[in-house]
Amino acid sequence: MRLMETSSPNRYSGARFACVQTVLSNPESPRRVRVQRRSSVSPLLLPLVWALCVVSLPCHAQDTSGSRKFTVDFGGGWAGLFGNYADGLKSGYNLRGGVGTALYRSEIEYDDKGCPIHGNRWSIYLTATFLFNQSGFQPGVAFETASSNPQNPALLSATNGRTKFFSATLGPTFRYAAKGSVQPYWFGGYGWMRRDAQLTGESVEGPVYQPSNPVVGVTGGNSGAFAAGAGIDIGPYRSVGGMKFFVEVRVLHGLGINSGTTLAPGGGVRW
């Protein structure tokens, strides 16, 4: 083997070239020459290379529990209705929205590999929730109500009805950072509830001037309300900005004039 190294300046980059010429053991075969260019990595690229390596690791210094300083959620679906007031109503649907801010979040420690080690897994949030629920009257309830109030002749045209509930509550939420993608939580709160019972009738002035099922009578009232329940978060899903799905059992019980009303809605998504 014969080794020969030559170097010459390059007018573009000033890099060196190394030429290695190897004579093969077979004298009849032609000589093969391999040219290899020596290059160096710029120091400016080292932070980028390091960052890419860190991102590719399965565990890195990042809070994988999905605990955030602020939360936003919305949901909806079926809502059960219970209590004395529920006797004349059907189960309805609900829409809800909420926001929360962390009052306490446990500090996350990491092992030598950068994987999170949870000491105290509990966190406490202050959560505000707004809820809307609507339930229709059972058959015959509208006629019975109109017949019981002959002093109000407008109710005699009632053919159906619905009840709308509005509530806003504020209270603590206790979250537990369990291993895996399912995170349980418990909550409670106190706030305001509004109930509107509406009797509806047939349109007699045309669909343009008067909408279908016009309201012919309204009654209701405001009161305090308690909320309590528990649920689970499923996620987070990083591909959609850390979104979580949640399923919960929520009991909202009215006080005072609404003491015969208990709602049980739940389900939605949370960021």
Protein backbone atom coordinates (compact mmCIF):
# COMPACT_ATOMS: atom_id res chain seq x y z
CA MET A 1 0.00 0.00 0.00
CA ARG A 2 1.25 3.44 -0.90
CA LEU A 3 -0.15 6.47 0.95
CA MET A 4 0.17 9.93 -0.49
CA GLU A 5 -1.45 13.09 0.98
CA THR A 6 -1.50 16.35 -0.90
CA SER A 7 -3.08 19.63 0.05
CA SER A 8 -3.80 22.66 -2.01
CA PRO A 9 -5.62 25.91 -1.26
CA ASN A 10 -9.15 26.30 -2.52
CA ARG A 11 -10.07 29.76 -3.71
CA TYR A 12 -13.70 29.38 -2.63
CA SER A 13 -13.64 27.85 0.83
CA GLY A 14 -9.97 27.30 1.65
CA ALA A 15 -10.76 23.72 2.69
CA ARG A 16 -8.19 20.99 2.45
CA PHE A 17 -8.48 17.94 0.24
CA ALA A 18 -7.07 14.52 0.99
CA CYS A 19 -6.31 12.07 -1.72
CA VAL A 20 -5.82 8.46 -0.79
CA GLN A 21 -4.47 6.22 -3.54
CA THR A 22 -4.67 2.50 -2.94
CA VAL A 23 -3.03 -0.14 -5.08
CA LEU A 24 -5.13 -3.27 -5.10
CA SER A 25 -3.57 -6.68 -4.62
CA ASN A 26 -4.57 -7.69 -8.14
CA PRO A 27 -2.02 -6.08 -10.46
CA GLU A 28 -4.33 -6.40 -13.46
CA SER A 29 -7.04 -4.29 -11.92
CA PRO A 30 -6.86 -0.55 -12.49
CA ARG A 31 -6.02 1.81 -9.71
CA ARG A 32 -8.99 3.33 -7.92
CA VAL A 33 -8.76 6.77 -6.45
CA ARG A 34 -11.21 8.09 -3.82
CA VAL A 35 -11.41 11.78 -3.14
CA GLN A 36 -12.85 12.88 0.21
CA ARG A 37 -13.41 16.45 1.31
CA ARG A 38 -12.75 17.40 4.88
CA SER A 39 -15.32 19.70 6.35
CA SER A 40 -16.09 21.04 9.80
CA VAL A 41 -19.45 21.83 11.48
CA SER A 42 -19.97 25.48 12.18
CA PRO A 43 -20.22 26.27 15.91
CA LEU A 44 -23.46 28.14 15.17
CA LEU A 45 -25.14 24.85 14.23
CA LEU A 46 -24.28 23.06 17.46
CA PRO A 47 -27.26 24.47 19.46
CA LEU A 48 -29.64 23.40 16.69
CA VAL A 49 -28.18 19.88 16.58
CA TRP A 50 -28.43 19.63 20.36
CA ALA A 51 -32.08 20.78 20.31
CA LEU A 52 -32.99 18.18 17.68
CA CYS A 53 -31.40 15.45 19.74
CA VAL A 54 -33.32 16.52 22.84
CA VAL A 55 -36.66 16.59 21.00
CA SER A 56 -36.09 13.07 19.73
CA LEU A 57 -35.65 11.65 23.23
CA PRO A 58 -38.64 9.73 24.63
CA CYS A 59 -38.42 11.56 27.95
CA HIS A 60 -37.40 15.17 28.20
CA ALA A 61 -37.63 18.03 30.66
CA GLN A 62 -41.23 18.87 30.05
CA ASP A 63 -44.36 18.63 32.17
CA THR A 64 -46.09 15.62 30.62
CA SER A 65 -48.99 15.68 33.06
CA GLY A 66 -50.80 18.32 30.99
CA SER A 67 -51.11 20.65 33.99
CA ARG A 68 -51.45 24.25 32.87
CA LYS A 69 -51.74 27.59 34.57
CA PHE A 70 -55.07 28.33 32.84
CA THR A 71 -57.77 26.03 31.44
CA VAL A 72 -60.65 26.60 29.01
CA ASP A 73 -63.37 24.04 28.39
CA PHE A 74 -66.68 23.68 26.61
CA GLY A 75 -69.08 20.82 26.15
CA GLY A 76 -72.65 19.70 25.90
CA GLY A 77 -74.98 16.78 25.49
CA TRP A 78 -77.79 15.05 27.33
CA ALA A 79 -78.77 16.40 30.75
CA GLY A 80 -80.85 14.55 33.27
CA LEU A 81 -83.42 16.48 35.28
CA PHE A 82 -84.47 15.38 38.76
CA GLY A 83 -86.59 16.68 41.66
CA ASN A 84 -90.21 17.74 42.10
CA TYR A 85 -90.05 20.24 39.27
CA ALA A 86 -88.85 17.54 36.89
CA ASP A 87 -92.15 15.61 37.01
CA GLY A 88 -93.62 17.60 34.12
CA LEU A 89 -90.42 17.91 32.06
CA LYS A 90 -88.51 15.72 29.68
CA SER A 91 -84.76 15.17 29.88
CA GLY A 92 -83.11 17.88 27.80
CA TYR A 93 -79.79 19.01 26.43
CA ASN A 94 -77.13 21.27 27.87
CA LEU A 95 -74.35 23.57 26.69
CA ARG A 96 -71.57 24.62 29.01
CA GLY A 97 -68.35 26.59 29.09
CA GLY A 98 -65.76 27.19 31.76
CA VAL A 99 -62.42 28.75 32.61
CA GLY A 100 -59.99 27.98 35.39
CA THR A 101 -56.77 29.26 36.92
CA ALA A 102 -54.30 27.26 38.98
CA LEU A 103 -54.05 28.15 42.66
CA TYR A 104 -51.49 25.44 43.36
CA ARG A 105 -49.49 23.16 41.09
CA SER A 106 -46.93 20.70 42.42
CA GLU A 107 -43.39 21.14 41.15
CA ILE A 108 -42.24 18.46 38.76
CA GLU A 109 -38.86 16.82 39.37
CA TYR A 110 -36.92 14.85 36.76
CA ASP A 111 -34.62 11.86 36.91
CA ASP A 112 -31.23 11.51 35.22
CA LYS A 113 -32.90 10.65 31.91
CA GLY A 114 -35.16 13.70 31.99
CA CYS A 115 -38.31 11.73 32.79
CA PRO A 116 -40.70 13.49 35.22
CA ILE A 117 -40.89 12.24 38.79
CA HIS A 118 -44.06 13.32 40.57
CA GLY A 119 -43.87 13.83 44.29
CA ASN A 120 -47.12 15.52 45.27
CA ARG A 121 -49.48 14.79 42.37
CA TRP A 122 -52.30 17.13 43.42
CA SER A 123 -53.12 20.51 41.93
CA ILE A 124 -55.89 22.97 42.82
CA TYR A 125 -57.76 25.21 40.37
CA LEU A 126 -60.35 27.92 40.83
CA THR A 127 -62.98 27.20 38.17
CA ALA A 128 -65.91 29.25 36.85
CA THR A 129 -68.60 27.38 34.88
CA PHE A 130 -71.58 28.66 32.89
CA LEU A 131 -74.36 26.21 32.06
CA PHE A 132 -77.42 26.39 29.81
CA ASN A 133 -80.04 23.64 29.84
CA GLN A 134 -83.36 23.30 27.99
CA SER A 135 -86.07 20.71 28.59
CA GLY A 136 -89.47 20.32 26.93
CA PHE A 137 -92.82 19.87 28.66
CA GLN A 138 -94.36 16.46 29.02
CA PRO A 139 -97.57 15.95 26.93
CA GLY A 140 -100.58 17.59 28.57
CA VAL A 141 -98.60 19.82 30.95
CA ALA A 142 -99.17 22.97 28.89
CA PHE A 143 -102.95 22.44 28.80
CA GLU A 144 -103.02 21.70 32.53
CA THR A 145 -101.06 24.84 33.30
CA ALA A 146 -103.32 27.02 31.15
CA SER A 147 -106.44 25.55 32.73
CA SER A 148 -105.09 26.25 36.21
CA ASN A 149 -104.66 29.95 35.41
CA PRO A 150 -108.00 31.15 33.93
CA GLN A 151 -107.20 34.72 35.01
CA ASN A 152 -104.65 34.83 32.19
CA PRO A 153 -106.61 34.26 28.93
CA ALA A 154 -103.42 34.43 26.85
CA LEU A 155 -102.39 31.04 28.22
CA LEU A 156 -105.48 29.37 26.72
CA SER A 157 -103.72 29.31 23.34
CA ALA A 158 -100.78 27.34 24.78
CA THR A 159 -100.13 24.01 23.08
CA ASN A 160 -96.67 23.15 24.39
CA GLY A 161 -93.85 24.52 26.50
CA ARG A 162 -90.20 24.37 27.53
CA THR A 163 -88.07 25.30 30.50
CA LYS A 164 -84.67 26.94 30.25
CA PHE A 165 -82.08 26.92 33.02
CA PHE A 166 -79.11 29.26 33.29
CA SER A 167 -76.43 28.95 35.95
CA ALA A 168 -73.00 30.32 36.81
CA THR A 169 -70.92 28.76 39.58
CA LEU A 170 -67.48 29.34 41.06
CA GLY A 171 -65.49 26.86 43.11
CA PRO A 172 -62.38 24.70 43.51
CA THR A 173 -61.32 21.79 41.32
CA PHE A 174 -58.88 19.20 42.65
CA ARG A 175 -56.86 17.39 39.98
CA TYR A 176 -54.70 14.31 40.45
CA ALA A 177 -51.80 13.70 38.05
CA ALA A 178 -52.15 9.94 37.62
CA LYS A 179 -49.81 7.97 35.38
CA GLY A 180 -51.05 7.58 31.85
CA SER A 181 -53.49 9.63 29.81
CA VAL A 182 -56.48 9.43 32.20
CA GLN A 183 -56.48 12.12 34.92
CA PRO A 184 -59.27 12.18 37.56
CA TYR A 185 -60.60 15.34 39.20
CA TRP A 186 -63.20 16.43 41.75
CA PHE A 187 -64.96 19.77 42.03
CA GLY A 188 -67.53 21.81 43.94
CA GLY A 189 -68.96 25.30 43.74
CA TYR A 190 -71.69 27.77 44.54
CA GLY A 191 -73.40 30.35 42.37
CA TRP A 192 -76.55 31.57 40.63
CA MET A 193 -79.41 29.76 38.87
CA ARG A 194 -82.19 31.15 36.70
CA ARG A 195 -85.26 29.16 35.63
CA ASP A 196 -87.63 30.28 32.85
CA ALA A 197 -90.76 28.24 32.13
CA GLN A 198 -92.26 29.22 28.78
CA LEU A 199 -95.65 28.27 27.38
CA THR A 200 -95.78 28.26 23.58
CA GLY A 201 -98.69 28.34 21.13
CA GLU A 202 -99.47 28.15 17.44
CA SER A 203 -98.56 30.99 15.12
CA VAL A 204 -101.72 32.91 14.15
CA GLU A 205 -100.20 35.89 12.34
CA GLY A 206 -98.11 34.12 9.72
CA PRO A 207 -94.55 32.77 9.79
CA VAL A 208 -93.00 36.11 8.71
CA TYR A 209 -94.62 38.43 11.25
CA GLN A 210 -94.76 35.88 14.05
CA PRO A 211 -92.24 33.05 14.43
CA SER A 212 -93.33 29.49 14.93
CA ASN A 213 -94.24 28.44 18.47
CA PRO A 214 -94.49 31.97 19.89
CA VAL A 215 -94.18 32.36 23.66
CA VAL A 216 -97.58 33.13 25.23
CA GLY A 217 -96.53 33.01 28.87
CA VAL A 218 -93.36 33.07 30.97
CA THR A 219 -92.68 32.44 34.64
CA GLY A 220 -89.51 31.74 36.57
CA GLY A 221 -87.14 32.96 39.23
CA ASN A 222 -83.57 33.40 40.42
CA SER A 223 -81.87 31.61 43.29
CA GLY A 224 -78.58 30.29 44.57
CA ALA A 225 -77.29 26.87 43.53
CA PHE A 226 -74.71 24.29 44.59
CA ALA A 227 -72.60 22.30 42.14
CA ALA A 228 -70.50 19.21 42.84
CA GLY A 229 -69.19 16.20 40.98
CA ALA A 230 -66.22 14.31 39.57
CA GLY A 231 -64.80 13.45 36.17
CA ILE A 232 -61.81 12.32 34.15
CA ASP A 233 -59.63 14.07 31.59
CA ILE A 234 -58.40 11.95 28.67
CA GLY A 235 -55.26 13.28 27.00
CA PRO A 236 -53.60 15.62 26.31
CA TYR A 237 -53.30 15.34 22.53
CA ARG A 238 -50.29 17.39 21.45
CA SER A 239 -51.31 17.36 17.78
CA VAL A 240 -54.32 19.58 18.59
CA GLY A 241 -52.64 21.97 20.99
CA GLY A 242 -52.84 19.83 24.12
CA MET A 243 -56.61 19.31 23.93
CA LYS A 244 -58.23 16.87 26.35
CA PHE A 245 -61.58 15.12 26.29
CA PHE A 246 -63.45 15.03 29.57
CA VAL A 247 -66.40 13.09 30.92
CA GLU A 248 -67.91 14.09 34.24
CA VAL A 249 -70.89 13.62 36.51
CA ARG A 250 -72.09 17.06 37.64
CA VAL A 251 -74.97 17.69 40.00
CA LEU A 252 -76.40 21.21 40.05
CA HIS A 253 -79.02 21.75 42.75
CA GLY A 254 -81.07 24.92 43.00
CA LEU A 255 -82.05 26.65 46.24
CA GLY A 256 -85.05 28.73 47.25
CA ILE A 257 -87.58 29.00 44.45
CA ASN A 258 -85.56 26.47 42.45
CA SER A 259 -85.10 23.97 45.28
CA GLY A 260 -87.04 21.33 43.34
CA THR A 261 -84.54 21.38 40.46
CA THR A 262 -81.46 19.16 40.09
CA LEU A 263 -79.52 18.93 36.82
CA ALA A 264 -76.87 16.37 35.87
CA PRO A 265 -74.97 17.37 32.70
CA GLY A 266 -71.43 16.42 31.64
CA GLY A 267 -68.94 15.84 28.80
CA GLY A 268 -66.84 17.93 26.41
CA VAL A 269 -63.32 19.03 25.56
CA ARG A 270 -60.76 21.06 27.52
CA TRP A 271 -57.56 22.95 26.81
